[in-house]
Structure formats: C-alpha cells, structure tokens
C-alpha atoms as a PDB file:
ATOM      1  CA  MET A   1      24.211  33.099 -35.981  1.00  0.00           C
ATOM      2  CA  ILE A   2      25.218  33.176 -32.328  1.00  0.00           C
ATOM      3  CA  ALA A   3      21.575  33.426 -31.237  1.00  0.00           C
ATOM      4  CA  SER A   4      20.728  30.349 -33.333  1.00  0.00           C
ATOM      5  CA  GLN A   5      23.566  28.359 -31.767  1.00  0.00           C
ATOM      6  CA  ILE A   6      22.434  29.379 -28.290  1.00  0.00           C
ATOM      7  CA  ARG A   7      18.874  28.223 -29.057  1.00  0.00           C
ATOM      8  CA  GLN A   8      20.156  24.890 -30.344  1.00  0.00           C
ATOM      9  CA  ALA A   9      22.310  24.438 -27.249  1.00  0.00           C
ATOM     10  CA  MET A  10      19.366  25.232 -24.980  1.00  0.00           C
ATOM     11  CA  GLN A  11      17.163  22.751 -26.873  1.00  0.00           C
ATOM     12  CA  CYS A  12      19.817  20.052 -26.452  1.00  0.00           C
ATOM     13  CA  LEU A  13      20.035  20.780 -22.736  1.00  0.00           C
ATOM     14  CA  ALA A  14      16.255  20.585 -22.418  1.00  0.00           C
ATOM     15  CA  LEU A  15      16.211  17.230 -24.227  1.00  0.00           C
ATOM     16  CA  LEU A  16      18.976  15.882 -21.994  1.00  0.00           C
ATOM     17  CA  ALA A  17      17.119  17.051 -18.886  1.00  0.00           C
ATOM     18  CA  ALA A  18      13.905  15.395 -20.090  1.00  0.00           C
ATOM     19  CA  LEU A  19      15.803  12.163 -20.824  1.00  0.00           C
ATOM     20  CA  PHE A  20      17.404  12.238 -17.370  1.00  0.00           C
ATOM     21  CA  LEU A  21      14.022  12.702 -15.697  1.00  0.00           C
ATOM     22  CA  SER A  22      12.539   9.879 -17.770  1.00  0.00           C
ATOM     23  CA  LEU A  23      15.375   7.509 -16.861  1.00  0.00           C
ATOM     24  CA  SER A  24      15.112   8.473 -13.191  1.00  0.00           C
ATOM     25  CA  ALA A  25      11.372   7.860 -13.221  1.00  0.00           C
ATOM     26  CA  SER A  26      11.807   4.498 -14.986  1.00  0.00           C
ATOM     27  CA  GLN A  27      14.431   3.436 -12.459  1.00  0.00           C
ATOM     28  CA  ALA A  28      12.188   4.469  -9.553  1.00  0.00           C
ATOM     29  CA  VAL A  29       9.268   2.501 -11.021  1.00  0.00           C
ATOM     30  CA  ALA A  30      11.467  -0.580 -11.483  1.00  0.00           C
ATOM     31  CA  GLU A  31      12.746  -0.329  -7.901  1.00  0.00           C
ATOM     32  CA  ALA A  32       9.207   0.104  -6.569  1.00  0.00           C
ATOM     33  CA  ARG A  33       8.088  -2.987  -8.483  1.00  0.00           C
ATOM     34  CA  GLU A  34      11.001  -4.976  -7.069  1.00  0.00           C
ATOM     35  CA  ASP A  35      10.045  -3.904  -3.531  1.00  0.00           C
ATOM     36  CA  ASN A  36       6.435  -4.732  -4.338  1.00  0.00           C
ATOM     37  CA  ASP A  37       7.363  -8.249  -5.503  1.00  0.00           C
ATOM     38  CA  LYS A  38       9.482  -8.877  -2.410  1.00  0.00           C
ATOM     39  CA  GLN A  39       6.732  -7.866  -0.025  1.00  0.00           C
ATOM     40  CA  ALA A  40       4.099  -9.815  -1.970  1.00  0.00           C
ATOM     41  CA  LYS A  41       6.140 -12.961  -1.208  1.00  0.00           C
ATOM     42  CA  LEU A  42       6.184 -12.369   2.543  1.00  0.00           C
ATOM     43  CA  PHE A  43       3.956 -15.377   3.160  1.00  0.00           C
ATOM     44  CA  ALA A  44       5.524 -17.649   0.540  1.00  0.00           C
ATOM     45  CA  GLU A  45       6.762 -20.135   3.160  1.00  0.00           C
ATOM     46  CA  LYS A  46       3.166 -20.620   4.387  1.00  0.00           C
ATOM     47  CA  ILE A  47       0.542 -22.882   2.807  1.00  0.00           C
ATOM     48  CA  GLN A  48      -1.349 -21.292  -0.070  1.00  0.00           C
ATOM     49  CA  VAL A  49      -4.974 -22.448  -0.236  1.00  0.00           C
ATOM     50  CA  ALA A  50      -6.368 -19.839  -2.663  1.00  0.00           C
ATOM     51  CA  PRO A  51      -4.875 -17.153  -4.947  1.00  0.00           C
ATOM     52  CA  ASN A  52      -4.965 -14.529  -2.173  1.00  0.00           C
ATOM     53  CA  VAL A  53      -4.947 -16.687   0.935  1.00  0.00           C
ATOM     54  CA  TYR A  54      -2.206 -18.383   2.976  1.00  0.00           C
ATOM     55  CA  VAL A  55      -2.684 -20.399   6.179  1.00  0.00           C
ATOM     56  CA  GLU A  56      -0.575 -22.181   8.749  1.00  0.00           C
ATOM     57  CA  LYS A  57      -2.305 -25.544   8.283  1.00  0.00           C
ATOM     58  CA  GLN A  58      -4.151 -26.931   5.271  1.00  0.00           C
ATOM     59  CA  SER A  59      -7.014 -28.040   7.510  1.00  0.00           C
ATOM     60  CA  GLN A  60      -7.815 -24.416   8.380  1.00  0.00           C
ATOM     61  CA  PHE A  61      -9.394 -23.682   5.003  1.00  0.00           C
ATOM     62  CA  VAL A  62     -12.484 -24.920   3.158  1.00  0.00           C
ATOM     63  CA  LYS A  63     -13.109 -23.639  -0.364  1.00  0.00           C
ATOM     64  CA  TRP A  64     -16.535 -22.152  -0.994  1.00  0.00           C
ATOM     65  CA  GLY A  65     -18.805 -24.304  -3.131  1.00  0.00           C
ATOM     66  CA  ASP A  66     -21.609 -23.382  -5.504  1.00  0.00           C
ATOM     67  CA  GLN A  67     -23.918 -21.915  -2.871  1.00  0.00           C
ATOM     68  CA  PRO A  68     -25.080 -18.380  -3.723  1.00  0.00           C
ATOM     69  CA  VAL A  69     -23.588 -15.524  -1.720  1.00  0.00           C
ATOM     70  CA  PRO A  70     -25.960 -12.766  -0.543  1.00  0.00           C
ATOM     71  CA  GLN A  71     -25.104  -9.537  -2.377  1.00  0.00           C
ATOM     72  CA  GLY A  72     -26.496  -7.311   0.374  1.00  0.00           C
ATOM     73  CA  ASP A  73     -26.520  -3.622  -0.584  1.00  0.00           C
ATOM     74  CA  TYR A  74     -23.956  -4.020  -3.362  1.00  0.00           C
ATOM     75  CA  ASP A  75     -25.311  -3.132  -6.817  1.00  0.00           C
ATOM     76  CA  PRO A  76     -24.182  -5.931  -9.181  1.00  0.00           C
ATOM     77  CA  ASP A  77     -23.665  -3.338 -11.917  1.00  0.00           C
ATOM     78  CA  GLY A  78     -20.972  -1.706  -9.823  1.00  0.00           C
ATOM     79  CA  PHE A  79     -19.624  -4.498  -7.613  1.00  0.00           C
ATOM     80  CA  ASP A  80     -18.854  -8.188  -7.910  1.00  0.00           C
ATOM     81  CA  LYS A  81     -19.140  -9.930  -4.538  1.00  0.00           C
ATOM     82  CA  THR A  82     -17.733 -13.443  -4.269  1.00  0.00           C
ATOM     83  CA  ARG A  83     -16.759 -15.794  -1.450  1.00  0.00           C
ATOM     84  CA  ILE A  84     -13.303 -17.389  -1.533  1.00  0.00           C
ATOM     85  CA  GLY A  85     -13.886 -19.824   1.299  1.00  0.00           C
ATOM     86  CA  THR A  86     -14.042 -20.298   5.049  1.00  0.00           C
ATOM     87  CA  VAL A  87     -11.013 -20.216   7.327  1.00  0.00           C
ATOM     88  CA  THR A  88     -10.380 -21.106  10.966  1.00  0.00           C
ATOM     89  CA  PHE A  89      -9.399 -17.800  12.557  1.00  0.00           C
ATOM     90  CA  SER A  90      -8.984 -19.353  16.011  1.00  0.00           C
ATOM     91  CA  ALA A  91     -10.192 -22.355  17.998  1.00  0.00           C
ATOM     92  CA  ASP A  92     -13.608 -20.715  18.516  1.00  0.00           C
ATOM     93  CA  LEU A  93     -14.000 -18.570  15.391  1.00  0.00           C
ATOM     94  CA  ARG A  94     -14.415 -19.433  11.723  1.00  0.00           C
ATOM     95  CA  VAL A  95     -14.821 -16.701   9.129  1.00  0.00           C
ATOM     96  CA  HIS A  96     -15.933 -16.458   5.516  1.00  0.00           C
ATOM     97  CA  ILE A  97     -13.561 -14.503   3.253  1.00  0.00           C
ATOM     98  CA  ASP A  98     -15.436 -12.334   0.749  1.00  0.00           C
ATOM     99  CA  THR A  99     -14.102 -10.136  -2.032  1.00  0.00           C
ATOM    100  CA  ILE A 100     -16.060  -7.065  -3.146  1.00  0.00           C
ATOM    101  CA  ASP A 101     -14.532  -5.954  -6.424  1.00  0.00           C
ATOM    102  CA  ASN A 102     -15.269  -2.468  -7.716  1.00  0.00           C
ATOM    103  CA  LYS A 103     -15.964  -2.883 -11.447  1.00  0.00           C
ATOM    104  CA  HIS A 104     -15.420   0.732 -12.442  1.00  0.00           C
ATOM    105  CA  SER A 105     -13.045   2.378 -10.008  1.00  0.00           C
ATOM    106  CA  PHE A 106     -11.412   1.822  -6.609  1.00  0.00           C
ATOM    107  CA  PRO A 107     -11.244   0.941  -3.817  1.00  0.00           C
ATOM    108  CA  SER A 108     -12.305  -2.676  -3.642  1.00  0.00           C
ATOM    109  CA  TYR A 109     -12.747  -4.565  -0.374  1.00  0.00           C
ATOM    110  CA  PHE A 110     -12.172  -7.752   1.537  1.00  0.00           C
ATOM    111  CA  GLN A 111     -14.854  -8.669   4.027  1.00  0.00           C
ATOM    112  CA  LEU A 112     -14.566 -11.153   6.891  1.00  0.00           C
ATOM    113  CA  VAL A 113     -17.858 -12.645   8.068  1.00  0.00           C
ATOM    114  CA  ASP A 114     -18.548 -14.753  11.177  1.00  0.00           C
ATOM    115  CA  ALA A 115     -19.427 -18.154   9.710  1.00  0.00           C
ATOM    116  CA  HIS A 116     -21.721 -18.936  12.656  1.00  0.00           C
ATOM    117  CA  SER A 117     -23.693 -15.719  13.082  1.00  0.00           C
ATOM    118  CA  GLY A 118     -23.307 -14.118   9.663  1.00  0.00           C
ATOM    119  CA  ALA A 119     -22.112 -10.882  11.286  1.00  0.00           C
ATOM    120  CA  VAL A 120     -19.611  -8.785   9.318  1.00  0.00           C
ATOM    121  CA  LEU A 121     -16.456  -8.700  11.458  1.00  0.00           C
ATOM    122  CA  GLY A 122     -14.450  -6.384   9.238  1.00  0.00           C
ATOM    123  CA  LYS A 123     -14.408  -4.673   5.838  1.00  0.00           C
ATOM    124  CA  TYR A 124     -10.958  -3.745   4.558  1.00  0.00           C
ATOM    125  CA  SER A 125     -10.246  -1.330   1.717  1.00  0.00           C
ATOM    126  CA  VAL A 126      -7.621  -2.261  -0.897  1.00  0.00           C
ATOM    127  CA  PRO A 127      -6.818  -0.762  -4.312  1.00  0.00           C
ATOM    128  CA  ASN A 128      -7.244  -4.188  -5.927  1.00  0.00           C
ATOM    129  CA  THR A 129      -8.170  -7.528  -4.333  1.00  0.00           C
ATOM    130  CA  ASP A 130      -5.973  -9.409  -6.824  1.00  0.00           C
ATOM    131  CA  HIS A 131      -2.890  -7.638  -5.450  1.00  0.00           C
ATOM    132  CA  ALA A 132      -3.585  -8.178  -1.744  1.00  0.00           C
ATOM    133  CA  VAL A 133      -2.557 -11.269   0.220  1.00  0.00           C
ATOM    134  CA  TRP A 134      -3.882 -12.724   3.493  1.00  0.00           C
ATOM    135  CA  TYR A 135      -2.168 -14.974   6.016  1.00  0.00           C
ATOM    136  CA  PHE A 136      -4.306 -16.576   8.741  1.00  0.00           C
ATOM    137  CA  ALA A 137      -2.180 -17.928  11.579  1.00  0.00           C
ATOM    138  CA  GLY A 138      -5.067 -19.872  13.180  1.00  0.00           C
ATOM    139  CA  ASN A 139      -4.277 -18.478  16.636  1.00  0.00           C
ATOM    140  CA  GLY A 140      -6.523 -15.412  16.559  1.00  0.00           C
ATOM    141  CA  SER A 141      -4.279 -13.292  14.324  1.00  0.00           C
ATOM    142  CA  ALA A 142      -4.396 -12.476  10.612  1.00  0.00           C
ATOM    143  CA  TYR A 143      -2.165 -10.372   8.373  1.00  0.00           C
ATOM    144  CA  LEU A 144      -3.043  -8.480   5.194  1.00  0.00           C
ATOM    145  CA  ASN A 145      -0.232  -7.369   2.874  1.00  0.00           C
ATOM    146  CA  GLN A 146      -1.469  -4.862   0.301  1.00  0.00           C
ATOM    147  CA  GLU A 147      -0.570  -1.932  -1.887  1.00  0.00           C
ATOM    148  CA  HIS A 148      -0.988   1.427  -0.184  1.00  0.00           C
ATOM    149  CA  SER A 149      -3.911   3.417  -1.576  1.00  0.00           C
ATOM    150  CA  GLN A 150      -1.958   6.724  -1.558  1.00  0.00           C
ATOM    151  CA  LEU A 151       1.422   5.511  -2.834  1.00  0.00           C
ATOM    152  CA  CYS A 152       2.475   4.251  -6.249  1.00  0.00           C
ATOM    153  CA  GLY A 153       3.482   0.627  -5.835  1.00  0.00           C
ATOM    154  CA  PRO A 154       4.807   0.197  -2.281  1.00  0.00           C
ATOM    155  CA  ARG A 155       3.100  -2.312  -0.019  1.00  0.00           C
ATOM    156  CA  HIS A 156       2.478  -2.498   3.701  1.00  0.00           C
ATOM    157  CA  THR A 157       1.195  -5.085   6.148  1.00  0.00           C
ATOM    158  CA  ARG A 158      -1.759  -4.767   8.506  1.00  0.00           C
ATOM    159  CA  LYS A 159      -2.411  -7.038  11.493  1.00  0.00           C
ATOM    160  CA  PHE A 160      -5.833  -8.014  12.845  1.00  0.00           C
ATOM    161  CA  GLN A 161      -6.447  -9.621  16.213  1.00  0.00           C
ATOM    162  CA  GLN A 162      -9.477 -11.412  17.592  1.00  0.00           C
ATOM    163  CA  LYS A 163     -11.010  -9.832  20.672  1.00  0.00           C
ATOM    164  CA  GLY A 164     -13.944 -11.946  21.818  1.00  0.00           C
ATOM    165  CA  LYS A 165     -16.137 -12.271  18.759  1.00  0.00           C
ATOM    166  CA  THR A 166     -14.801  -9.133  17.125  1.00  0.00           C
ATOM    167  CA  LEU A 167     -11.681  -8.248  15.149  1.00  0.00           C
ATOM    168  CA  ILE A 168      -9.518  -5.213  15.841  1.00  0.00           C
ATOM    169  CA  GLU A 169      -6.660  -3.780  13.814  1.00  0.00           C
ATOM    170  CA  VAL A 170      -3.420  -3.666  15.767  1.00  0.00           C
ATOM    171  CA  ALA A 171      -1.991  -0.138  15.816  1.00  0.00           C
ATOM    172  CA  GLN A 172       1.598   0.246  14.613  1.00  0.00           C
ATOM    173  CA  PRO A 173       4.010   2.968  15.736  1.00  0.00           C
ATOM    174  CA  LEU A 174       5.164   3.230  12.098  1.00  0.00           C
ATOM    175  CA  VAL A 175       3.571   1.747   8.987  1.00  0.00           C
ATOM    176  CA  TYR A 176       6.621   0.242   7.281  1.00  0.00           C
ATOM    177  CA  VAL A 177       7.106   0.990   3.568  1.00  0.00           C
ATOM    178  CA  GLY A 178      10.837   0.598   2.863  1.00  0.00           C
ATOM    179  CA  THR A 179      11.091   1.748  -0.747  1.00  0.00           C
ATOM    180  CA  GLU A 180      13.434   4.020  -2.695  1.00  0.00           C
ATOM    181  CA  THR A 181      12.222   7.069  -4.561  1.00  0.00           C
ATOM    182  CA  TYR A 182      13.470  10.582  -5.392  1.00  0.00           C
ATOM    183  CA  ALA A 183      12.549  14.209  -4.813  1.00  0.00           C
ATOM    184  CA  GLU A 184      10.769  15.781  -7.772  1.00  0.00           C
ATOM    185  CA  THR A 185      11.216  19.300  -6.434  1.00  0.00           C
ATOM    186  CA  THR A 186      13.134  20.930  -3.596  1.00  0.00           C
ATOM    187  CA  THR A 187      11.709  19.135  -0.573  1.00  0.00           C
ATOM    188  CA  GLN A 188      12.111  19.868   3.107  1.00  0.00           C
ATOM    189  CA  LEU A 189      12.162  17.262   5.863  1.00  0.00           C
ATOM    190  CA  TYR A 190      10.915  18.102   9.343  1.00  0.00           C
ATOM    191  CA  GLU A 191      11.626  16.938  12.875  1.00  0.00           C
ATOM    192  CA  THR A 192       8.068  15.647  13.513  1.00  0.00           C
ATOM    193  CA  PRO A 193       5.115  14.337  11.444  1.00  0.00           C
ATOM    194  CA  ASN A 194       3.418  17.660  12.196  1.00  0.00           C
ATOM    195  CA  GLY A 195       6.254  19.778  10.816  1.00  0.00           C
ATOM    196  CA  GLY A 196       8.290  21.975  13.097  1.00  0.00           C
ATOM    197  CA  LYS A 197      12.013  22.487  12.604  1.00  0.00           C
ATOM    198  CA  VAL A 198      13.503  21.735   9.162  1.00  0.00           C
ATOM    199  CA  VAL A 199      16.178  19.033   9.562  1.00  0.00           C
ATOM    200  CA  ALA A 200      17.131  18.580   5.884  1.00  0.00           C
ATOM    201  CA  THR A 201      16.445  20.016   2.445  1.00  0.00           C
ATOM    202  CA  LEU A 202      16.468  17.686  -0.570  1.00  0.00           C
ATOM    203  CA  ALA A 203      17.505  18.997  -3.974  1.00  0.00           C
ATOM    204  CA  PRO A 204      15.496  17.795  -7.000  1.00  0.00           C
ATOM    205  CA  GLU A 205      16.484  14.270  -8.138  1.00  0.00           C
ATOM    206  CA  THR A 206      17.903  13.348  -4.715  1.00  0.00           C
ATOM    207  CA  LYS A 207      17.376   9.631  -4.125  1.00  0.00           C
ATOM    208  CA  VAL A 208      15.894   8.813  -0.734  1.00  0.00           C
ATOM    209  CA  THR A 209      14.318   5.881   1.084  1.00  0.00           C
ATOM    210  CA  VAL A 210      10.794   6.113   2.449  1.00  0.00           C
ATOM    211  CA  LEU A 211      10.991   4.112   5.671  1.00  0.00           C
ATOM    212  CA  GLY A 212       7.332   4.347   6.580  1.00  0.00           C
ATOM    213  CA  LEU A 213       4.245   6.406   7.239  1.00  0.00           C
ATOM    214  CA  ALA A 214       2.839   7.958  10.370  1.00  0.00           C
ATOM    215  CA  PRO A 215      -0.141   5.727  11.333  1.00  0.00           C
ATOM    216  CA  GLY A 216      -3.683   7.064  11.372  1.00  0.00           C
ATOM    217  CA  ARG A 217      -3.138   9.566   8.569  1.00  0.00           C
ATOM    218  CA  THR A 218      -5.337   8.321   5.751  1.00  0.00           C
ATOM    219  CA  GLU A 219      -5.958  11.603   3.922  1.00  0.00           C
ATOM    220  CA  PHE A 220      -3.462  12.295   1.152  1.00  0.00           C
ATOM    221  CA  TYR A 221      -2.719  15.903   2.117  1.00  0.00           C
ATOM    222  CA  GLY A 222      -1.221  15.753   5.580  1.00  0.00           C
ATOM    223  CA  MET A 223       0.086  12.219   5.110  1.00  0.00           C
ATOM    224  CA  ALA A 224       3.534  12.084   6.741  1.00  0.00           C
ATOM    225  CA  LEU A 225       6.402   9.904   5.479  1.00  0.00           C
ATOM    226  CA  LEU A 226       9.580   9.153   7.407  1.00  0.00           C
ATOM    227  CA  VAL A 227      12.434   9.592   4.920  1.00  0.00           C
ATOM    228  CA  LYS A 228      16.115   8.569   5.017  1.00  0.00           C
ATOM    229  CA  THR A 229      18.520  10.770   3.050  1.00  0.00           C
ATOM    230  CA  PRO A 230      21.627   9.570   1.157  1.00  0.00           C
ATOM    231  CA  PHE A 231      23.694  10.643   4.194  1.00  0.00           C
ATOM    232  CA  GLY A 232      21.690   8.332   6.453  1.00  0.00           C
ATOM    233  CA  LEU A 233      19.798  11.167   8.163  1.00  0.00           C
ATOM    234  CA  THR A 234      16.054  10.959   8.750  1.00  0.00           C
ATOM    235  CA  GLY A 235      13.211  13.455   8.691  1.00  0.00           C
ATOM    236  CA  TRP A 236       9.477  13.697   8.060  1.00  0.00           C
ATOM    237  CA  HIS A 237       8.007  14.742   4.726  1.00  0.00           C
ATOM    238  CA  VAL A 238       4.448  16.048   5.043  1.00  0.00           C
ATOM    239  CA  VAL A 239       2.412  15.970   1.813  1.00  0.00           C
ATOM    240  CA  SER A 240       1.184  19.482   1.064  1.00  0.00           C
ATOM    241  CA  PRO A 241      -1.608  20.678  -1.283  1.00  0.00           C
ATOM    242  CA  THR A 242       0.897  23.230  -2.601  1.00  0.00           C
ATOM    243  CA  ASP A 243       4.101  22.502  -4.513  1.00  0.00           C
ATOM    244  CA  GLU A 244       6.236  22.800  -1.399  1.00  0.00           C
ATOM    245  CA  GLY A 245       8.131  19.611  -2.077  1.00  0.00           C
ATOM    246  CA  ARG A 246       7.098  16.417  -3.826  1.00  0.00           C
ATOM    247  CA  LEU A 247       8.349  12.828  -3.832  1.00  0.00           C
ATOM    248  CA  ASN A 248       7.941  10.551  -6.814  1.00  0.00           C
ATOM    249  CA  VAL A 249       6.564   7.740  -4.635  1.00  0.00           C
ATOM    250  CA  TYR A 250       3.107   9.355  -4.703  1.00  0.00           C
ATOM    251  CA  GLN A 251       3.278  10.991  -8.141  1.00  0.00           C
ATOM    252  CA  CYS A 252       1.497   8.220 -10.058  1.00  0.00           C
ATOM    253  CA  ASN A 253       1.123  10.175 -13.274  1.00  0.00           C
END
C-alpha cells in the first residue's frame, strides 16, 4: 500500500516536472520569436522596395525584369536562383541582388554581383532568404539582418563596406544577440571565450540573457556566448560536444 502511494507520488512529480519544462520551453520560444520580430523590423523606417530589401532612397533600386538570370554552377534540381533587382551601392557601384534558395536543406544564400562587370562581390549564407532583410544606405555600406545559423530564432546584423570595387565584412568586437533563454543543465560560465576561470555556475532552469557571440567562431562546438545572469553578472558559455552545460537557445529540438 505504502509502496503504491510512493509510486503514484513519484509519477505525479515526474508529470509536474515535465509540465514545468514544457512551459519553460514554450515561454523561451515565445520570447525568442518576440526578439526575432523586433530585430526583423530594424529597417522599418527605411524605404522598402522589395520583400527583403530596404533602401535610403527610392531611386536607388530598379526591379529586375523578365531577362533570364544565368544559373552558373547551381543545379536547378537543388537550387532556385533568382534576381530581385539592382541597387545603387555607392556613387560608383551598382549591384545585382540574387537569391540562391536551397530547395531541400540549408543554408541558402544571397549573392551581390557587380552590375557592370558581372563579378560576384559577395555570397552570404543565411538559413532562409525569406527571413533575411537587407538595407542599402547608398553610401558604400549595406546591412544584413538575419537569423543565426547556430541559434534557434535569434537574429544578428552584419555590415558590409565597399573597398574599391570589392566588398568586405566589417568585423565586430561582439556579435549582438540580446535574447533570453534558460539553462537546460548545470552550466558554467567562464572569464574568457576560451574558458579559463569559472565565474558563475547556472542551475538548471535559470533564466539568462545571451548578450552576444564571440566573432569569428562559426563552428557550433567552440562557439562562445556572452551571458548575463539574473544577478546582472556576465560570463562566457562555450558550447561543448559533451553535456557539460547546455542553453536552450541552441537546442532546437
């Protein structure tokens, strides 16, 4: 009799724990979507000339007509390459904006092409071209706001600058993310992106804010996130191939 009651109590506790985790995950997803929506509207005060393109002046943009677009090396069974239009990047540079959509998987790409020479100036990986947004300032700078390929929902902005007839990506000291999430397991935070001294230990379900990512770290394992704790302290979380700490922000499943 007592053993049966204990089993029932343990089952109830397990159900409550599962419900709590589900609610926490749902709340984190909702908050990530809200952050996503806010960042997607970064360029809303600019002039929208196409679904994914904003400019400073309407005259900067010309929509692509019915002319065929060379597919290059892209197999049409796997990729759909289209041209959105042509934009004035600066006083002496106009570029075609191409989308290269992966039909079966990810990533997809945006491609910027010199309208005069036909040279590819840049090819930029995104999880989905429909969810990425460009702003062309017309002064030699462009900005791409997109979802991060390694995180579940959060967005970040990249800046590209003209240098002669080429485009370079402007390095950032921190790739800003600014989204709330929670620790799925006991998670340690370190003093540097490379580890070192432990500055905080997060208990499971602790809500934290991911402030940003260390730039230049594109591989998932080794990716370093600057995290703010509920007490307002900061530390680096380094994604490990083991279960030595996990944050929900990159646990997509």
